[in-house]
Amino acid sequence: MKAVILAGGLGTRLQPYTTFMPKPMLPLGEKPLLEHLIEWNKKNGIKSIVLCVSYLRKTIEDYFEDGSEFGVEIKYANAKRPLATAGQLKTAEKFIDDTFVCMYGDSIYDFNLKKIVKQHIQKKSFITISLFEYKTNLPYGVIETSKNGKVTAWNEKPEINANINMGCYVMETQVFDFIPKNKPYGMDDLVKKSMMKKKPIHSFVIKSGFIDIGDKTSYRKAYQQYLEKLGKI
């Protein structure tokens, strides 16, 4: 099985860190984010990887080369302009000929990928979306009312739960038929189109093992968590 890692984003929310370095190459401890991702794939038995690159791509290509130094095989799919998530994925089409894993290059995962793949195959799914059980507290008092406006309850800073997209998928090769070529196209567009075409879409929920690196705050938090995990602070 192959993995496609989307590593071509501009990383605008992480400026100025990403002015001269693509987001997937930002350091987390002594390694770039992307190296952690590649090691995670290898740990889960995936040693054939396609990196979808664009912004400052030479930084990535010069570091990883053909992947042999990291115990994997790496191919590169290059986009000449921003294409959004599914649009980036489309550039990897020529390298994929069977069920594959796709993930964003700006997150850290630490869960059993094999279980998601197994479920995907058992359920004969078209796309399996990995979800993270997210909990947070609203910073406000939430007031419940009846239809006539009578206050029925006051919930101070209640906890809310939601299953959020982690940006890690198992997919069938036919997804490429639903993605336009050389056009920006989001992963949400791909999933919605697949659902419209009555393709089976399933989910796999985990409760731990996901760190999102979406902006400067989350990056600093992830860096702190990583150092704590290593016992260096």
Protein backbone atom coordinates (compact mmCIF):
# COMPACT_ATOMS: atom_id res chain seq x y z
CA MET A 1 0.00 0.00 0.00
CA LYS A 2 1.14 3.55 -0.76
CA ALA A 3 0.71 6.79 1.16
CA VAL A 4 0.20 10.18 -0.41
CA ILE A 5 1.28 13.10 1.78
CA LEU A 6 0.04 16.55 0.79
CA ALA A 7 3.01 18.84 1.39
CA GLY A 8 2.49 21.68 -1.05
CA GLY A 9 0.54 24.28 0.95
CA LEU A 10 1.71 27.87 1.37
CA GLY A 11 1.44 27.83 5.17
CA THR A 12 0.20 31.41 5.29
CA ARG A 13 -1.16 31.07 8.85
CA LEU A 14 2.33 30.18 10.04
CA GLN A 15 4.06 33.27 8.69
CA PRO A 16 6.81 34.34 9.27
CA TYR A 17 8.00 30.78 10.05
CA THR A 18 7.11 29.67 6.54
CA THR A 19 8.62 32.61 4.65
CA PHE A 20 11.70 30.61 3.71
CA MET A 21 10.61 27.10 4.71
CA PRO A 22 7.57 25.01 3.68
CA LYS A 23 5.29 24.16 6.61
CA PRO A 24 5.95 20.39 6.52
CA MET A 25 9.66 21.14 7.09
CA LEU A 26 9.18 23.12 10.30
CA PRO A 27 11.12 21.43 13.10
CA LEU A 28 9.45 19.39 15.80
CA GLY A 29 12.25 18.49 18.15
CA GLU A 30 15.27 17.54 16.04
CA LYS A 31 13.27 16.51 12.96
CA PRO A 32 10.91 18.28 10.54
CA LEU A 33 7.20 17.52 10.76
CA LEU A 34 7.32 15.60 7.50
CA GLU A 35 10.01 13.24 8.76
CA HIS A 36 7.81 12.34 11.74
CA LEU A 37 4.99 11.57 9.29
CA ILE A 38 7.20 9.38 7.13
CA GLU A 39 8.43 7.47 10.18
CA TRP A 40 4.82 6.93 11.28
CA ASN A 41 3.92 5.50 7.89
CA LYS A 42 6.93 3.21 7.99
CA LYS A 43 5.97 2.07 11.50
CA ASN A 44 2.55 1.14 10.10
CA GLY A 45 4.04 -0.89 7.27
CA ILE A 46 3.87 1.71 4.48
CA LYS A 47 7.22 2.20 2.77
CA SER A 48 6.15 3.60 -0.59
CA ILE A 49 5.30 7.30 -0.33
CA VAL A 50 4.28 10.02 -2.77
CA LEU A 51 4.96 13.58 -1.65
CA CYS A 52 2.76 16.20 -3.32
CA VAL A 53 4.94 19.30 -3.33
CA SER A 54 4.78 22.85 -4.65
CA TYR A 55 5.78 25.78 -2.43
CA LEU A 56 9.57 25.74 -1.80
CA ARG A 57 9.55 22.14 -2.99
CA LYS A 58 13.35 21.93 -3.42
CA THR A 59 13.74 22.17 0.35
CA ILE A 60 11.71 18.98 0.72
CA GLU A 61 13.22 17.18 -2.27
CA ASP A 62 16.82 17.96 -1.24
CA TYR A 63 16.21 16.73 2.30
CA PHE A 64 14.43 13.44 1.56
CA GLU A 65 15.72 12.69 -1.97
CA ASP A 66 14.53 9.18 -2.96
CA GLY A 67 13.78 8.20 0.66
CA SER A 68 16.41 5.47 0.86
CA GLU A 69 18.15 7.16 3.79
CA PHE A 70 14.85 6.93 5.69
CA GLY A 71 14.07 3.34 4.79
CA VAL A 72 11.27 4.20 2.34
CA GLU A 73 10.76 4.89 -1.36
CA ILE A 74 9.70 8.44 -2.18
CA LYS A 75 8.25 9.81 -5.42
CA TYR A 76 7.36 13.46 -6.01
CA ALA A 77 4.24 14.93 -7.58
CA ASN A 78 4.71 18.61 -8.33
CA ALA A 79 2.01 21.28 -8.65
CA LYS A 80 3.00 24.59 -10.21
CA ARG A 81 0.36 26.53 -8.28
CA PRO A 82 -1.87 26.10 -5.19
CA LEU A 83 -4.57 23.51 -5.89
CA ALA A 84 -6.14 22.99 -2.44
CA THR A 85 -6.13 19.56 -0.82
CA ALA A 86 -7.90 17.32 -3.36
CA GLY A 87 -6.35 19.28 -6.22
CA GLN A 88 -2.91 18.44 -4.80
CA LEU A 89 -3.92 14.81 -4.47
CA LYS A 90 -4.81 14.72 -8.18
CA THR A 91 -1.15 15.33 -9.07
CA ALA A 92 -0.25 11.94 -7.52
CA GLU A 93 -2.66 9.98 -9.73
CA LYS A 94 0.02 8.49 -12.00
CA PHE A 95 1.75 6.88 -9.01
CA ILE A 96 -1.36 5.19 -7.54
CA ASP A 97 -2.82 1.90 -8.76
CA ASP A 98 -4.55 0.45 -5.68
CA THR A 99 -6.17 1.35 -2.36
CA PHE A 100 -4.04 4.05 -0.73
CA VAL A 101 -3.71 6.30 2.30
CA CYS A 102 -3.79 10.09 1.96
CA MET A 103 -2.85 12.57 4.67
CA TYR A 104 -2.06 16.22 5.20
CA GLY A 105 1.60 17.09 5.71
CA ASP A 106 1.03 19.49 8.61
CA SER A 107 -0.28 17.13 11.30
CA ILE A 108 1.28 14.60 13.65
CA TYR A 109 -0.40 11.21 13.98
CA ASP A 110 0.24 8.47 16.51
CA PHE A 111 -2.51 5.86 16.18
CA ASN A 112 -2.88 2.45 14.56
CA LEU A 113 -3.27 3.16 10.86
CA LYS A 114 -3.58 -0.55 10.10
CA LYS A 115 -6.94 -0.66 11.90
CA ILE A 116 -8.40 2.04 9.65
CA VAL A 117 -7.16 0.25 6.53
CA LYS A 118 -8.63 -3.04 7.78
CA GLN A 119 -12.03 -1.44 8.44
CA HIS A 120 -11.95 0.30 5.04
CA ILE A 121 -11.45 -3.03 3.29
CA GLN A 122 -14.00 -4.91 5.39
CA LYS A 123 -16.71 -2.32 4.75
CA LYS A 124 -15.79 -2.00 1.06
CA SER A 125 -15.64 1.73 1.52
CA PHE A 126 -14.86 4.27 -1.19
CA ILE A 127 -13.37 6.74 1.29
CA THR A 128 -12.72 6.26 4.99
CA ILE A 129 -12.24 9.48 6.97
CA SER A 130 -10.33 9.38 10.23
CA LEU A 131 -11.98 11.54 12.90
CA PHE A 132 -10.73 12.84 16.22
CA GLU A 133 -13.01 13.05 19.26
CA TYR A 134 -12.58 16.72 20.12
CA LYS A 135 -13.71 18.30 23.37
CA THR A 136 -13.68 21.94 24.34
CA ASN A 137 -15.46 24.35 26.68
CA LEU A 138 -17.38 27.29 25.33
CA PRO A 139 -16.09 30.48 26.99
CA TYR A 140 -19.66 31.75 27.57
CA GLY A 141 -22.72 30.97 29.59
CA VAL A 142 -25.24 29.19 27.35
CA ILE A 143 -28.86 30.06 28.03
CA GLU A 144 -31.62 27.64 27.03
CA THR A 145 -35.06 29.05 26.30
CA SER A 146 -38.50 27.79 25.37
CA LYS A 147 -40.35 28.84 22.21
CA ASN A 148 -42.01 31.75 24.02
CA GLY A 149 -38.66 33.05 25.30
CA LYS A 150 -38.84 31.75 28.85
CA VAL A 151 -35.41 30.91 30.26
CA THR A 152 -35.30 27.21 31.15
CA ALA A 153 -31.61 26.67 31.98
CA TRP A 154 -28.26 28.36 32.38
CA ASN A 155 -25.20 26.28 31.45
CA GLU A 156 -21.99 28.07 32.37
CA LYS A 157 -19.13 27.39 29.96
CA PRO A 158 -20.46 23.98 28.89
CA GLU A 159 -18.29 21.29 27.34
CA ILE A 160 -19.08 20.46 23.73
CA ASN A 161 -18.01 17.34 21.86
CA ALA A 162 -17.53 16.88 18.14
CA ASN A 163 -15.79 14.47 15.80
CA ILE A 164 -13.42 16.56 13.68
CA ASN A 165 -11.59 15.72 10.47
CA MET A 166 -7.93 14.82 11.05
CA GLY A 167 -6.92 14.97 7.40
CA CYS A 168 -6.03 11.28 7.16
CA TYR A 169 -7.97 9.11 4.69
CA VAL A 170 -8.03 5.67 3.10
CA MET A 171 -9.23 5.86 -0.49
CA GLU A 172 -9.90 3.87 -3.63
CA THR A 173 -8.23 4.86 -6.88
CA GLN A 174 -11.55 5.85 -8.45
CA VAL A 175 -11.55 9.04 -6.36
CA PHE A 176 -9.24 10.56 -8.98
CA ASP A 177 -12.12 10.43 -11.48
CA PHE A 178 -13.99 12.92 -9.30
CA ILE A 179 -11.18 15.50 -9.06
CA PRO A 180 -10.74 18.09 -11.84
CA LYS A 181 -7.24 18.44 -13.24
CA ASN A 182 -5.16 21.58 -12.60
CA LYS A 183 -7.93 23.28 -10.63
CA PRO A 184 -8.19 24.12 -6.91
CA TYR A 185 -10.47 21.50 -5.35
CA GLY A 186 -10.99 20.82 -1.66
CA MET A 187 -11.17 17.46 0.07
CA ASP A 188 -14.64 18.47 1.29
CA ASP A 189 -15.67 18.91 -2.36
CA LEU A 190 -14.38 15.43 -3.15
CA VAL A 191 -16.24 13.80 -0.25
CA LYS A 192 -19.48 15.65 -1.05
CA LYS A 193 -19.27 14.67 -4.70
CA SER A 194 -18.61 11.04 -3.73
CA MET A 195 -21.66 11.08 -1.46
CA MET A 196 -23.73 12.61 -4.25
CA LYS A 197 -22.62 9.72 -6.47
CA LYS A 198 -23.82 7.29 -3.74
CA LYS A 199 -20.34 6.03 -2.97
CA PRO A 200 -19.91 4.45 0.51
CA ILE A 201 -18.12 6.85 2.86
CA HIS A 202 -17.22 5.63 6.34
CA SER A 203 -15.49 7.08 9.38
CA PHE A 204 -13.02 5.83 11.97
CA VAL A 205 -12.94 7.70 15.29
CA ILE A 206 -9.91 7.92 17.59
CA LYS A 207 -9.58 9.59 20.99
CA SER A 208 -5.84 10.28 21.05
CA GLY A 209 -2.85 10.42 18.74
CA PHE A 210 -3.48 13.60 16.74
CA ILE A 211 -1.78 17.00 16.80
CA ASP A 212 -2.79 19.68 14.30
CA ILE A 213 -0.20 22.25 13.22
CA GLY A 214 -2.57 24.80 11.73
CA ASP A 215 -1.19 28.11 12.97
CA LYS A 216 1.56 29.66 15.10
CA THR A 217 -0.25 28.97 18.37
CA SER A 218 -0.85 25.28 17.63
CA TYR A 219 2.72 24.90 16.35
CA ARG A 220 4.20 26.31 19.55
CA LYS A 221 1.87 24.10 21.60
CA ALA A 222 2.85 21.01 19.60
CA TYR A 223 6.53 21.83 20.04
CA GLN A 224 6.01 22.18 23.80
CA GLN A 225 4.10 18.88 23.98
CA TYR A 226 6.82 17.11 22.04
CA LEU A 227 9.56 18.33 24.37
CA GLU A 228 7.47 17.27 27.37
CA LYS A 229 7.02 13.82 25.83
CA LEU A 230 10.78 13.50 25.44
CA GLY A 231 11.27 14.66 29.03
CA LYS A 232 13.41 17.59 27.95
CA ILE A 233 11.51 20.25 29.91
